Amino acid sequence: MITEKLTNIRIIMQSEKIDLVAIGPTAYFKWLVGQPIHGDERPCFILVSKSKAAILLPAVNIGDPNIFKGLKFFKWTDEKGYKAAFNQMLDYLQLGTVQHVSIDEGMRTDFSYLILNKFPNAQKSLTSKNIAQLRMCKTEKEYQELKLNSNYADQAINSISQNFKQGMTEVDVAEIIIKCFTKNGAKPAFTIVATAKNGASPHHMTGDNVIENNAGLLVDIGCKYGQFSSDITRMFYIGKPSKKYLEIHKIVERAVQAALKASRVGAIASDIDKAARDVITKAGYGEFFIHRTGHGLGVEPHELPYISAGSDTILEAGMVFSIEPGIYLPNEFGVRLEEIIYLREDGPEILSNLSRDLVRMDT
């Protein structure tokens, strides 16, 4: 897997005239190697040249060395320090004149300086502007892992109505979800449970708020099994929903449908955002749709491509991203519906098997 991805990195390097790519112990590392690594203050990074690749690694953080096949090892200890190993690494890479370095934007600043100070006259760029495009299109193995995580998220959503009781708090509902994840061997990636007016805050911090009667409940969750996450948002209602609430839910559903229809190979990401936003704007709630329509999903819960008004990314087969329009009415409620899609040549495949209908829970 590392060898294939290094080949693809070098294709980008050639087209962008990049001489050296630097990857820290970040999401890029996890994507390339297939596993995360413990990151701390000790210098640790992968350097990729036009013909070779190597890793500088503190001995204390090595773990299983077999995961680094395809990378030349340069190990250092706390006793001797990293400098000699780093210089040996640079010699091994046979870099010659370095005119352009692409740096992992998630890497610690001090690590970046160690590298960039070696090439003070080189052009600098961020991997988000070049190498990141390789992470947008998923392999079949990555798709299968995302699909499995989506299935676990579906089960967790279903477990809410099966276990909900009067008097529960947002935290109690979150615990139902986490218990379901744990049963499947998955870890929670994030859990947003927002009752009533809390739902008007898109990234509400789940708390000890009692789930209100005759109010909506927004649930946005994701789990991680392996290296990838799931992400889904569904709406519940305790009691009988008002006419206004049902109207808002229907508008958001239509926005989802419009975005799904626009999600085609060759489309521009901003056009998908516009398709969803136009529905909500025409319904009179445009000012209350306060975030982008979607984001990529992979080794990070939020990554490229971003489905936003300013994105000129051209969609390709194999991309995975969310469609999640919402309407947020301050001091009233919020409604968001979210699907993760895998883009195929013939259109989007929704990874979830759940309906987006409002789930009613009796008082």
Foldseek 3Di string as FASTA:
>chain_A
DLVVLLVVVLVLCVVVVAFKEKAAQDLVCCVNLVHGWDDDPAQWIWMRGNPAIAIEEEPVTCPDVVSPPRHHYQYDYPVVGRPVSVVVVVVVNVRPQGAEYEYAPPHDPVNVCVVCVVRVNHHYHYCLVTVQVVQQFDDPVQVVQQLVQQALQLVLVVQQLVDDDAFAFLVNSVVSSQVSCVVVVKGWPDKDKAAWQQQLPVRRDGDRHGRDAQTKIKIWTWIHDRQWIYIWIAMAHEADHDPVVVVQLVLQVVLLVQLQVQFAQFGFLLVSQCSSLVSCVVVPQNVQFPDTQKAFTGSDRHGPDTNGNPGRDGDHQRGKMKGWTKGRDHPGHIDIGMFIWGAHNVGTDTSHPDDRDHHYHYD
